[in-house]
């Protein structure tokens, strides 16, 4: 009896699905560099952003997450909301949701303060 070795077919290439959401993370305060649970916090924030992005129906979206401190977020809260107080999170949705077809849909910014988080 003779055995013939058969070549196995290579599995089809796995197509990576392009994520419809680009997230820019800006570390604006050195306090965040020592944060051990930073990855978990970012996963939660990005998960929330992704659920928001799913509403843009498969189009590409862009969002910024800014990691800052109480002083900076208090200034933003005062300047944009007329509330001279710290807060843990501020969100700034993009004002004009219209965009040309095939371009990136700007979702807005999320600002997170270190001390009050």
C-alpha atoms as a PDB file:
ATOM      1  CA  UNK A   1       0.000   0.000   0.000  1.00  0.00           C
ATOM      2  CA  UNK A   2       1.339   3.393  -0.956  1.00  0.00           C
ATOM      3  CA  UNK A   3       0.476   6.559   0.895  1.00  0.00           C
ATOM      4  CA  UNK A   4       0.417   9.840  -0.928  1.00  0.00           C
ATOM      5  CA  UNK A   5       0.951  12.951   1.089  1.00  0.00           C
ATOM      6  CA  UNK A   6      -1.680  15.537   0.364  1.00  0.00           C
ATOM      7  CA  UNK A   7      -1.034  19.184   0.693  1.00  0.00           C
ATOM      8  CA  UNK A   8      -3.359  20.834   3.092  1.00  0.00           C
ATOM      9  CA  UNK A   9      -5.017  23.951   1.919  1.00  0.00           C
ATOM     10  CA  UNK A  10      -4.112  26.992   3.860  1.00  0.00           C
ATOM     11  CA  UNK A  11      -7.059  28.480   5.696  1.00  0.00           C
ATOM     12  CA  UNK A  12      -8.487  31.568   4.057  1.00  0.00           C
ATOM     13  CA  UNK A  13      -6.876  34.770   5.278  1.00  0.00           C
ATOM     14  CA  UNK A  14      -8.640  36.392   8.168  1.00  0.00           C
ATOM     15  CA  UNK A  15      -9.951  39.723   7.080  1.00  0.00           C
ATOM     16  CA  UNK A  16      -9.632  42.296   9.715  1.00  0.00           C
ATOM     17  CA  UNK A  17     -12.660  44.414  10.002  1.00  0.00           C
ATOM     18  CA  UNK A  18     -11.713  48.051   9.967  1.00  0.00           C
ATOM     19  CA  UNK A  19     -12.928  49.696  13.060  1.00  0.00           C
ATOM     20  CA  UNK A  20     -15.274  52.531  12.248  1.00  0.00           C
ATOM     21  CA  UNK A  21     -13.917  54.498  15.203  1.00  0.00           C
ATOM     22  CA  UNK A  22     -10.573  56.211  15.615  1.00  0.00           C
ATOM     23  CA  UNK A  23      -9.825  57.251  19.186  1.00  0.00           C
ATOM     24  CA  UNK A  24      -7.052  59.728  19.952  1.00  0.00           C
ATOM     25  CA  UNK A  25      -5.889  59.627  23.564  1.00  0.00           C
ATOM     26  CA  UNK A  26      -4.163  62.720  24.926  1.00  0.00           C
ATOM     27  CA  UNK A  27      -2.450  62.463  28.318  1.00  0.00           C
ATOM     28  CA  UNK A  28      -2.484  66.124  29.390  1.00  0.00           C
ATOM     29  CA  UNK A  29      -1.516  65.545  33.033  1.00  0.00           C
ATOM     30  CA  UNK A  30       1.447  63.576  34.399  1.00  0.00           C
ATOM     31  CA  UNK A  31      -0.819  62.267  37.181  1.00  0.00           C
ATOM     32  CA  UNK A  32      -2.226  59.721  34.741  1.00  0.00           C
ATOM     33  CA  UNK A  33       1.115  58.032  34.051  1.00  0.00           C
ATOM     34  CA  UNK A  34       1.109  56.356  37.483  1.00  0.00           C
ATOM     35  CA  UNK A  35      -2.512  55.181  37.206  1.00  0.00           C
ATOM     36  CA  UNK A  36      -2.567  51.370  37.388  1.00  0.00           C
ATOM     37  CA  UNK A  37      -6.159  50.989  36.275  1.00  0.00           C
ATOM     38  CA  UNK A  38      -5.694  53.308  33.306  1.00  0.00           C
ATOM     39  CA  UNK A  39      -6.172  50.496  30.781  1.00  0.00           C
ATOM     40  CA  UNK A  40      -9.478  49.437  32.348  1.00  0.00           C
ATOM     41  CA  UNK A  41     -10.703  53.033  32.421  1.00  0.00           C
ATOM     42  CA  UNK A  42      -9.748  53.565  28.795  1.00  0.00           C
ATOM     43  CA  UNK A  43     -11.426  50.319  27.762  1.00  0.00           C
ATOM     44  CA  UNK A  44     -14.656  51.497  29.391  1.00  0.00           C
ATOM     45  CA  UNK A  45     -14.402  54.945  27.792  1.00  0.00           C
ATOM     46  CA  UNK A  46     -13.616  53.508  24.372  1.00  0.00           C
ATOM     47  CA  UNK A  47     -16.433  50.973  24.745  1.00  0.00           C
ATOM     48  CA  UNK A  48     -18.881  53.778  25.412  1.00  0.00           C
ATOM     49  CA  UNK A  49     -17.492  55.720  22.473  1.00  0.00           C
ATOM     50  CA  UNK A  50     -17.791  52.668  20.228  1.00  0.00           C
ATOM     51  CA  UNK A  51     -21.437  52.229  21.147  1.00  0.00           C
ATOM     52  CA  UNK A  52     -21.970  55.882  20.265  1.00  0.00           C
ATOM     53  CA  UNK A  53     -20.090  55.395  17.008  1.00  0.00           C
ATOM     54  CA  UNK A  54     -22.311  52.480  16.034  1.00  0.00           C
ATOM     55  CA  UNK A  55     -25.030  55.049  15.499  1.00  0.00           C
ATOM     56  CA  UNK A  56     -23.117  56.524  12.568  1.00  0.00           C
ATOM     57  CA  UNK A  57     -23.994  53.432  10.526  1.00  0.00           C
ATOM     58  CA  UNK A  58     -20.647  52.004   9.514  1.00  0.00           C
ATOM     59  CA  UNK A  59     -19.045  55.304   8.636  1.00  0.00           C
ATOM     60  CA  UNK A  60     -15.643  56.172  10.011  1.00  0.00           C
ATOM     61  CA  UNK A  61     -15.715  58.191  13.221  1.00  0.00           C
ATOM     62  CA  UNK A  62     -13.152  60.074  15.262  1.00  0.00           C
ATOM     63  CA  UNK A  63     -13.158  60.872  18.965  1.00  0.00           C
ATOM     64  CA  UNK A  64     -10.597  62.361  21.357  1.00  0.00           C
ATOM     65  CA  UNK A  65     -10.202  61.316  24.990  1.00  0.00           C
ATOM     66  CA  UNK A  66      -8.227  63.833  27.055  1.00  0.00           C
ATOM     67  CA  UNK A  67      -6.802  62.699  30.398  1.00  0.00           C
ATOM     68  CA  UNK A  68      -6.255  65.783  32.532  1.00  0.00           C
ATOM     69  CA  UNK A  69      -6.427  67.031  36.126  1.00  0.00           C
ATOM     70  CA  UNK A  70      -8.886  68.936  38.322  1.00  0.00           C
ATOM     71  CA  UNK A  71      -7.361  72.345  37.599  1.00  0.00           C
ATOM     72  CA  UNK A  72      -7.740  71.986  33.834  1.00  0.00           C
ATOM     73  CA  UNK A  73     -11.211  70.438  33.942  1.00  0.00           C
ATOM     74  CA  UNK A  74     -12.394  73.148  36.330  1.00  0.00           C
ATOM     75  CA  UNK A  75     -11.250  75.794  33.835  1.00  0.00           C
ATOM     76  CA  UNK A  76     -13.074  73.992  31.011  1.00  0.00           C
ATOM     77  CA  UNK A  77     -16.201  73.635  33.140  1.00  0.00           C
ATOM     78  CA  UNK A  78     -16.078  77.342  33.995  1.00  0.00           C
ATOM     79  CA  UNK A  79     -15.389  78.508  30.436  1.00  0.00           C
ATOM     80  CA  UNK A  80     -17.852  76.246  28.606  1.00  0.00           C
ATOM     81  CA  UNK A  81     -20.598  75.584  31.143  1.00  0.00           C
ATOM     82  CA  UNK A  82     -20.321  78.634  33.446  1.00  0.00           C
ATOM     83  CA  UNK A  83     -19.840  76.297  36.428  1.00  0.00           C
ATOM     84  CA  UNK A  84     -16.758  77.141  38.470  1.00  0.00           C
ATOM     85  CA  UNK A  85     -16.329  73.660  39.948  1.00  0.00           C
ATOM     86  CA  UNK A  86     -14.442  70.460  39.277  1.00  0.00           C
ATOM     87  CA  UNK A  87     -16.151  67.468  37.747  1.00  0.00           C
ATOM     88  CA  UNK A  88     -14.972  64.015  36.784  1.00  0.00           C
ATOM     89  CA  UNK A  89     -15.950  64.026  33.091  1.00  0.00           C
ATOM     90  CA  UNK A  90     -16.899  66.587  30.477  1.00  0.00           C
ATOM     91  CA  UNK A  91     -18.020  65.730  26.978  1.00  0.00           C
ATOM     92  CA  UNK A  92     -18.018  68.021  23.999  1.00  0.00           C
ATOM     93  CA  UNK A  93     -20.029  66.575  21.119  1.00  0.00           C
ATOM     94  CA  UNK A  94     -19.161  67.813  17.655  1.00  0.00           C
ATOM     95  CA  UNK A  95     -21.379  70.735  16.744  1.00  0.00           C
ATOM     96  CA  UNK A  96     -22.006  69.908  13.104  1.00  0.00           C
ATOM     97  CA  UNK A  97     -22.633  66.214  12.456  1.00  0.00           C
ATOM     98  CA  UNK A  98     -22.746  66.733   8.679  1.00  0.00           C
ATOM     99  CA  UNK A  99     -19.758  65.583   6.690  1.00  0.00           C
ATOM    100  CA  UNK A 100     -18.950  64.620   3.146  1.00  0.00           C
ATOM    101  CA  UNK A 101     -19.554  61.000   2.225  1.00  0.00           C
ATOM    102  CA  UNK A 102     -16.418  58.929   2.700  1.00  0.00           C
ATOM    103  CA  UNK A 103     -14.860  61.340   5.180  1.00  0.00           C
ATOM    104  CA  UNK A 104     -14.438  60.933   8.901  1.00  0.00           C
ATOM    105  CA  UNK A 105     -17.404  61.749  11.129  1.00  0.00           C
ATOM    106  CA  UNK A 106     -16.132  63.899  14.004  1.00  0.00           C
ATOM    107  CA  UNK A 107     -17.902  62.773  17.177  1.00  0.00           C
ATOM    108  CA  UNK A 108     -16.346  65.136  19.717  1.00  0.00           C
ATOM    109  CA  UNK A 109     -14.138  65.073  22.811  1.00  0.00           C
ATOM    110  CA  UNK A 110     -14.310  63.437  26.236  1.00  0.00           C
ATOM    111  CA  UNK A 111     -12.248  65.027  29.019  1.00  0.00           C
ATOM    112  CA  UNK A 112     -11.558  63.033  32.202  1.00  0.00           C
ATOM    113  CA  UNK A 113     -10.048  64.515  35.384  1.00  0.00           C
ATOM    114  CA  UNK A 114      -7.622  62.413  37.404  1.00  0.00           C
ATOM    115  CA  UNK A 115      -8.411  63.477  40.956  1.00  0.00           C
ATOM    116  CA  UNK A 116     -12.202  63.230  40.743  1.00  0.00           C
ATOM    117  CA  UNK A 117     -12.323  59.954  38.814  1.00  0.00           C
END
